[in-house]
C-alpha atoms as a PDB file:
ATOM      1  CA  MET A   1      -8.511 -13.896 -15.763  1.00  0.00           C
ATOM      2  CA  ALA A   2      -6.864 -11.764 -13.532  1.00  0.00           C
ATOM      3  CA  TYR A   3      -5.484 -12.035  -9.617  1.00  0.00           C
ATOM      4  CA  HIS A   4      -6.836 -10.119  -7.053  1.00  0.00           C
ATOM      5  CA  TRP A   5      -4.027  -9.555  -4.289  1.00  0.00           C
ATOM      6  CA  PHE A   6      -5.728  -8.887  -0.795  1.00  0.00           C
ATOM      7  CA  LYS A   7      -4.642  -7.758   2.429  1.00  0.00           C
ATOM      8  CA  VAL A   8      -7.310  -8.993   4.759  1.00  0.00           C
ATOM      9  CA  ARG A   9      -7.280  -8.609   8.981  1.00  0.00           C
ATOM     10  CA  ALA A  10      -9.308 -11.365  10.376  1.00  0.00           C
ATOM     11  CA  LEU A  11     -12.325  -9.863  12.251  1.00  0.00           C
ATOM     12  CA  GLU A  12     -11.199 -12.156  15.246  1.00  0.00           C
ATOM     13  CA  ARG A  13      -8.154 -11.892  16.909  1.00  0.00           C
ATOM     14  CA  ASP A  14      -6.891 -14.731  14.977  1.00  0.00           C
ATOM     15  CA  TRP A  15      -6.681 -15.174  11.477  1.00  0.00           C
ATOM     16  CA  ARG A  16      -6.409 -19.100  11.512  1.00  0.00           C
ATOM     17  CA  ASP A  17      -9.981 -19.654  12.291  1.00  0.00           C
ATOM     18  CA  THR A  18     -11.201 -17.544   9.542  1.00  0.00           C
ATOM     19  CA  TYR A  19      -8.546 -18.875   7.076  1.00  0.00           C
ATOM     20  CA  SER A  20      -9.939 -22.449   7.692  1.00  0.00           C
ATOM     21  CA  ARG A  21     -13.328 -21.373   7.693  1.00  0.00           C
ATOM     22  CA  PHE A  22     -12.333 -19.548   3.926  1.00  0.00           C
ATOM     23  CA  ALA A  23     -10.541 -22.636   2.960  1.00  0.00           C
ATOM     24  CA  ALA A  24     -13.286 -24.900   3.753  1.00  0.00           C
ATOM     25  CA  ALA A  25     -16.343 -22.800   1.973  1.00  0.00           C
ATOM     26  CA  GLY A  26     -13.807 -22.989  -1.094  1.00  0.00           C
ATOM     27  CA  LEU A  27     -14.448 -20.507  -3.671  1.00  0.00           C
ATOM     28  CA  PRO A  28     -17.008 -20.684  -6.950  1.00  0.00           C
ATOM     29  CA  ASP A  29     -15.861 -22.258 -10.073  1.00  0.00           C
ATOM     30  CA  GLY A  30     -13.248 -21.158 -11.686  1.00  0.00           C
ATOM     31  CA  SER A  31     -11.519 -18.681  -9.505  1.00  0.00           C
ATOM     32  CA  ASP A  32      -9.097 -20.471  -6.977  1.00  0.00           C
ATOM     33  CA  VAL A  33      -6.149 -19.791  -4.284  1.00  0.00           C
ATOM     34  CA  TRP A  34      -2.972 -18.888  -5.775  1.00  0.00           C
ATOM     35  CA  GLY A  35      -1.387 -18.607  -2.004  1.00  0.00           C
ATOM     36  CA  ALA A  36      -2.025 -17.462   1.087  1.00  0.00           C
ATOM     37  CA  PHE A  37       0.925 -15.450   3.112  1.00  0.00           C
ATOM     38  CA  SER A  38       1.155 -14.727   6.935  1.00  0.00           C
ATOM     39  CA  GLY A  39       3.552 -11.824   7.640  1.00  0.00           C
ATOM     40  CA  LEU A  40       7.142 -11.845   8.886  1.00  0.00           C
ATOM     41  CA  PHE A  41       7.419  -8.111   8.479  1.00  0.00           C
ATOM     42  CA  GLY A  42       5.238  -5.287   7.358  1.00  0.00           C
ATOM     43  CA  ILE A  43       1.847  -7.139   8.192  1.00  0.00           C
ATOM     44  CA  GLY A  44       0.122  -7.494  11.005  1.00  0.00           C
ATOM     45  CA  SER A  45      -0.648 -10.650  13.544  1.00  0.00           C
ATOM     46  CA  ASN A  46      -4.022 -10.300  12.587  1.00  0.00           C
ATOM     47  CA  GLU A  47      -3.644  -9.840   8.362  1.00  0.00           C
ATOM     48  CA  LEU A  48      -2.888 -12.185   5.798  1.00  0.00           C
ATOM     49  CA  VAL A  49      -2.156 -11.572   2.581  1.00  0.00           C
ATOM     50  CA  LEU A  50      -4.333 -13.594   0.063  1.00  0.00           C
ATOM     51  CA  VAL A  51      -3.628 -13.716  -3.828  1.00  0.00           C
ATOM     52  CA  LEU A  52      -6.929 -15.185  -5.680  1.00  0.00           C
ATOM     53  CA  HIS A  53      -7.356 -16.010  -9.046  1.00  0.00           C
ATOM     54  CA  GLY A  54     -10.907 -15.564 -10.818  1.00  0.00           C
ATOM     55  CA  ASP A  55     -13.692 -13.309 -11.053  1.00  0.00           C
ATOM     56  CA  ALA A  56     -12.927  -9.781  -8.854  1.00  0.00           C
ATOM     57  CA  ARG A  57     -16.901 -10.092  -7.099  1.00  0.00           C
ATOM     58  CA  ALA A  58     -16.437 -13.437  -6.072  1.00  0.00           C
ATOM     59  CA  ALA A  59     -13.118 -13.168  -4.679  1.00  0.00           C
ATOM     60  CA  THR A  60     -14.044 -10.366  -2.676  1.00  0.00           C
ATOM     61  CA  ARG A  61     -17.720 -12.400  -1.572  1.00  0.00           C
ATOM     62  CA  ALA A  62     -15.354 -14.709  -0.618  1.00  0.00           C
ATOM     63  CA  VAL A  63     -12.791 -13.201   1.519  1.00  0.00           C
ATOM     64  CA  THR A  64     -15.525 -10.626   3.452  1.00  0.00           C
ATOM     65  CA  GLY A  65     -17.710 -13.676   3.508  1.00  0.00           C
ATOM     66  CA  ALA A  66     -15.406 -15.907   5.854  1.00  0.00           C
ATOM     67  CA  GLY A  67     -14.895 -13.081   8.299  1.00  0.00           C
ATOM     68  CA  PHE A  68     -12.155 -11.259   6.982  1.00  0.00           C
ATOM     69  CA  GLU A  69     -12.415  -7.241   6.418  1.00  0.00           C
ATOM     70  CA  VAL A  70     -10.254  -5.733   3.262  1.00  0.00           C
ATOM     71  CA  VAL A  71      -8.233  -3.712   3.969  1.00  0.00           C
ATOM     72  CA  GLU A  72      -6.178  -3.146   0.481  1.00  0.00           C
ATOM     73  CA  GLN A  73      -7.034  -4.673  -2.873  1.00  0.00           C
ATOM     74  CA  HIS A  74      -5.974  -5.014  -5.999  1.00  0.00           C
ATOM     75  CA  ALA A  75      -6.861  -6.358  -9.725  1.00  0.00           C
ATOM     76  CA  LEU A  76      -3.772  -7.648 -11.522  1.00  0.00           C
ATOM     77  CA  VAL A  77      -2.751  -9.090 -14.444  1.00  0.00           C
ATOM     78  CA  PRO A  78       0.734 -11.067 -15.010  1.00  0.00           C
ATOM     79  CA  THR A  79       3.380  -9.367 -17.376  1.00  0.00           C
ATOM     80  CA  ILE A  80       6.030 -11.885 -17.598  1.00  0.00           C
ATOM     81  CA  ARG A  81       5.334 -14.308 -14.983  1.00  0.00           C
ATOM     82  CA  PRO A  82       3.087 -16.597 -14.131  1.00  0.00           C
ATOM     83  CA  SER A  83       2.694 -17.388 -17.610  1.00  0.00           C
ATOM     84  CA  ALA A  84      -0.158 -20.240 -16.252  1.00  0.00           C
ATOM     85  CA  PHE A  85      -1.768 -20.330 -13.048  1.00  0.00           C
ATOM     86  CA  ALA A  86      -0.306 -22.979 -10.794  1.00  0.00           C
ATOM     87  CA  PRO A  87      -1.137 -22.577  -6.969  1.00  0.00           C
ATOM     88  CA  LEU A  88       2.149 -21.615  -5.132  1.00  0.00           C
ATOM     89  CA  THR A  89       3.465 -25.003  -2.548  1.00  0.00           C
ATOM     90  CA  ARG A  90       7.125 -24.403  -2.194  1.00  0.00           C
ATOM     91  CA  GLN A  91       7.716 -23.006   1.899  1.00  0.00           C
ATOM     92  CA  GLY A  92      10.367 -20.445   2.014  1.00  0.00           C
ATOM     93  CA  LEU A  93      10.100 -16.007   2.066  1.00  0.00           C
ATOM     94  CA  TYR A  94       7.685 -14.650   0.183  1.00  0.00           C
ATOM     95  CA  VAL A  95       8.822 -10.872  -0.078  1.00  0.00           C
ATOM     96  CA  PHE A  96       5.804  -8.849  -2.120  1.00  0.00           C
ATOM     97  CA  ARG A  97       7.176  -5.512  -3.554  1.00  0.00           C
ATOM     98  CA  PHE A  98       4.600  -3.088  -5.130  1.00  0.00           C
ATOM     99  CA  PHE A  99       6.075  -0.616  -7.650  1.00  0.00           C
ATOM    100  CA  ASP A 100       4.915   3.469  -7.835  1.00  0.00           C
ATOM    101  CA  VAL A 101       4.981   3.589 -11.877  1.00  0.00           C
ATOM    102  CA  ARG A 102       3.465   5.488 -14.648  1.00  0.00           C
ATOM    103  CA  ASN A 103       1.476   2.932 -16.578  1.00  0.00           C
ATOM    104  CA  ALA A 104       3.582   3.352 -19.782  1.00  0.00           C
ATOM    105  CA  ASP A 105       6.499   1.920 -18.492  1.00  0.00           C
ATOM    106  CA  VAL A 106       5.333  -0.991 -17.700  1.00  0.00           C
ATOM    107  CA  GLY A 107       6.353  -2.729 -20.812  1.00  0.00           C
ATOM    108  CA  GLU A 108       9.693  -1.679 -20.133  1.00  0.00           C
ATOM    109  CA  ILE A 109      10.013  -2.451 -16.680  1.00  0.00           C
ATOM    110  CA  ALA A 110       8.669  -6.108 -17.225  1.00  0.00           C
ATOM    111  CA  ALA A 111      11.270  -6.299 -20.119  1.00  0.00           C
ATOM    112  CA  LEU A 112      13.775  -5.498 -17.717  1.00  0.00           C
ATOM    113  CA  SER A 113      12.822  -7.686 -15.183  1.00  0.00           C
ATOM    114  CA  GLY A 114      12.978 -10.491 -17.275  1.00  0.00           C
ATOM    115  CA  GLU A 115      16.335  -9.674 -18.648  1.00  0.00           C
ATOM    116  CA  ALA A 116      17.897  -9.340 -15.245  1.00  0.00           C
ATOM    117  CA  TRP A 117      16.262 -12.909 -14.201  1.00  0.00           C
ATOM    118  CA  THR A 118      18.551 -14.495 -16.492  1.00  0.00           C
ATOM    119  CA  SER A 119      21.302 -13.878 -14.266  1.00  0.00           C
ATOM    120  CA  PHE A 120      19.500 -13.462 -10.746  1.00  0.00           C
ATOM    121  CA  GLU A 121      17.706 -16.663 -10.603  1.00  0.00           C
ATOM    122  CA  VAL A 122      21.253 -18.714 -11.539  1.00  0.00           C
ATOM    123  CA  SER A 123      23.181 -17.302  -8.725  1.00  0.00           C
ATOM    124  CA  ASP A 124      25.312 -19.322  -6.422  1.00  0.00           C
ATOM    125  CA  ALA A 125      25.196 -17.383  -3.421  1.00  0.00           C
ATOM    126  CA  TYR A 126      22.073 -17.417  -2.679  1.00  0.00           C
ATOM    127  CA  GLU A 127      18.168 -19.223  -3.558  1.00  0.00           C
ATOM    128  CA  ALA A 128      15.869 -16.843  -5.467  1.00  0.00           C
ATOM    129  CA  GLU A 129      12.934 -17.165  -7.789  1.00  0.00           C
ATOM    130  CA  PRO A 130      10.570 -14.635  -9.518  1.00  0.00           C
ATOM    131  CA  GLN A 131       7.051 -15.843  -8.886  1.00  0.00           C
ATOM    132  CA  GLY A 132       4.984 -13.278 -10.520  1.00  0.00           C
ATOM    133  CA  LEU A 133       5.243  -9.858 -12.001  1.00  0.00           C
ATOM    134  CA  PHE A 134       1.465  -8.314 -12.617  1.00  0.00           C
ATOM    135  CA  CYS A 135       0.650  -4.725 -13.486  1.00  0.00           C
ATOM    136  CA  GLN A 136      -2.617  -3.415 -13.017  1.00  0.00           C
ATOM    137  CA  ALA A 137      -6.019  -5.074 -14.853  1.00  0.00           C
ATOM    138  CA  ASP A 138      -7.170  -1.427 -15.543  1.00  0.00           C
ATOM    139  CA  ARG A 139      -3.946   1.016 -16.555  1.00  0.00           C
ATOM    140  CA  ARG A 140      -6.202   3.646 -17.910  1.00  0.00           C
ATOM    141  CA  ASP A 141      -4.868   6.278 -15.245  1.00  0.00           C
ATOM    142  CA  GLU A 142      -1.656   8.028 -15.518  1.00  0.00           C
ATOM    143  CA  ARG A 143      -0.121   6.345 -12.745  1.00  0.00           C
ATOM    144  CA  GLY A 144      -0.873   2.612 -11.338  1.00  0.00           C
ATOM    145  CA  VAL A 145       1.110  -0.144  -9.173  1.00  0.00           C
ATOM    146  CA  MET A 146       3.085  -2.927 -10.090  1.00  0.00           C
ATOM    147  CA  LEU A 147       3.616  -6.262  -7.793  1.00  0.00           C
ATOM    148  CA  LEU A 148       6.642  -8.135  -7.917  1.00  0.00           C
ATOM    149  CA  LEU A 149       6.010 -11.235  -6.042  1.00  0.00           C
ATOM    150  CA  THR A 150       9.873 -13.312  -5.094  1.00  0.00           C
ATOM    151  CA  TRP A 151      10.520 -16.291  -3.458  1.00  0.00           C
ATOM    152  CA  TYR A 152      13.601 -17.127  -1.752  1.00  0.00           C
ATOM    153  CA  ASP A 153      14.845 -20.056   0.734  1.00  0.00           C
ATOM    154  CA  GLY A 154      15.404 -17.519   4.096  1.00  0.00           C
ATOM    155  CA  LEU A 155      16.049 -14.078   5.037  1.00  0.00           C
ATOM    156  CA  GLY A 156      20.038 -15.141   3.929  1.00  0.00           C
ATOM    157  CA  SER A 157      19.517 -14.903   0.786  1.00  0.00           C
ATOM    158  CA  TRP A 158      17.048 -12.120   0.429  1.00  0.00           C
ATOM    159  CA  GLN A 159      19.680 -10.206   2.319  1.00  0.00           C
ATOM    160  CA  THR A 160      22.611 -11.374  -0.375  1.00  0.00           C
ATOM    161  CA  SER A 161      20.196 -10.853  -3.225  1.00  0.00           C
ATOM    162  CA  ARG A 162      20.393  -6.829  -2.832  1.00  0.00           C
ATOM    163  CA  LYS A 163      24.500  -7.805  -4.767  1.00  0.00           C
ATOM    164  CA  PRO A 164      22.965  -9.636  -7.638  1.00  0.00           C
ATOM    165  CA  ALA A 165      25.102  -9.754 -10.708  1.00  0.00           C
ATOM    166  CA  PRO A 166      26.256  -6.745 -12.453  1.00  0.00           C
ATOM    167  CA  GLU A 167      24.069  -7.888 -15.909  1.00  0.00           C
ATOM    168  CA  ALA A 168      21.167  -8.198 -13.075  1.00  0.00           C
ATOM    169  CA  ARG A 169      22.209  -5.018 -11.273  1.00  0.00           C
ATOM    170  CA  ALA A 170      22.082  -2.192 -14.516  1.00  0.00           C
ATOM    171  CA  ASN A 171      18.905  -3.621 -15.201  1.00  0.00           C
ATOM    172  CA  PHE A 172      17.290  -3.483 -11.760  1.00  0.00           C
ATOM    173  CA  GLN A 173      18.677  -0.047 -11.765  1.00  0.00           C
ATOM    174  CA  ARG A 174      17.000   0.933 -14.898  1.00  0.00           C
ATOM    175  CA  ARG A 175      14.071  -0.626 -13.324  1.00  0.00           C
ATOM    176  CA  HIS A 176      14.452   1.706 -10.156  1.00  0.00           C
ATOM    177  CA  GLU A 177      14.817   4.578 -12.385  1.00  0.00           C
ATOM    178  CA  LEU A 178      11.321   4.165 -13.587  1.00  0.00           C
ATOM    179  CA  THR A 179       9.410   3.607  -9.941  1.00  0.00           C
ATOM    180  CA  ALA A 180       8.038   6.432  -7.661  1.00  0.00           C
ATOM    181  CA  GLY A 181       8.520   4.175  -4.664  1.00  0.00           C
ATOM    182  CA  THR A 182       8.350   0.888  -3.052  1.00  0.00           C
ATOM    183  CA  ILE A 183       6.699  -0.842  -0.684  1.00  0.00           C
ATOM    184  CA  ALA A 184       7.453  -4.967   0.721  1.00  0.00           C
ATOM    185  CA  TYR A 185       5.720  -7.030   2.617  1.00  0.00           C
ATOM    186  CA  ALA A 186       7.804 -10.082   3.570  1.00  0.00           C
ATOM    187  CA  THR A 187       5.615 -13.092   4.416  1.00  0.00           C
ATOM    188  CA  ARG A 188       5.036 -16.856   4.517  1.00  0.00           C
ATOM    189  CA  LEU A 189       2.628 -19.893   2.632  1.00  0.00           C
ATOM    190  CA  VAL A 190      -0.038 -20.780   4.836  1.00  0.00           C
ATOM    191  CA  THR A 191      -0.855 -24.172   4.516  1.00  0.00           C
ATOM    192  CA  THR A 192      -3.960 -25.591   5.606  1.00  0.00           C
END
């Protein structure tokens, strides 16, 4: 089943009441929340990022039925992570990074990322763990997006991780060569 990334805007002034209604209503059988995220940078104060797992139409109905307006959405499938569905629970900084890519390069980008992570994740200088690397569910067009979600224990680790080990850096540089651009959102996990 696909993952569905939503950037949503609460129709009310504050997203908290709308999110409470959404969480209380629950999702249809076979669908789950992978994570809900409030913005630190790049997301409005009345916006949230929701990542749901399950049927696309049911996910969209659940989001809009709670009183959210969908600003942006993507149907995604994991490449190398996550290998199994498990809701995210760890507090910290979650950075969503979208890559503008040629769909023909998705396999190489996933392989480069997986290889880079073997040294990136074990650094003593910072705490970071990639949670997911996704591509679009429908890759028939020449161009598309990939989404990388990385957990950090805080902004200090994110900043330090910009200078990873040389083994990781070479793979990240090649991945950068395969992308036409990126955009990132810094968020925190919402807990109820």
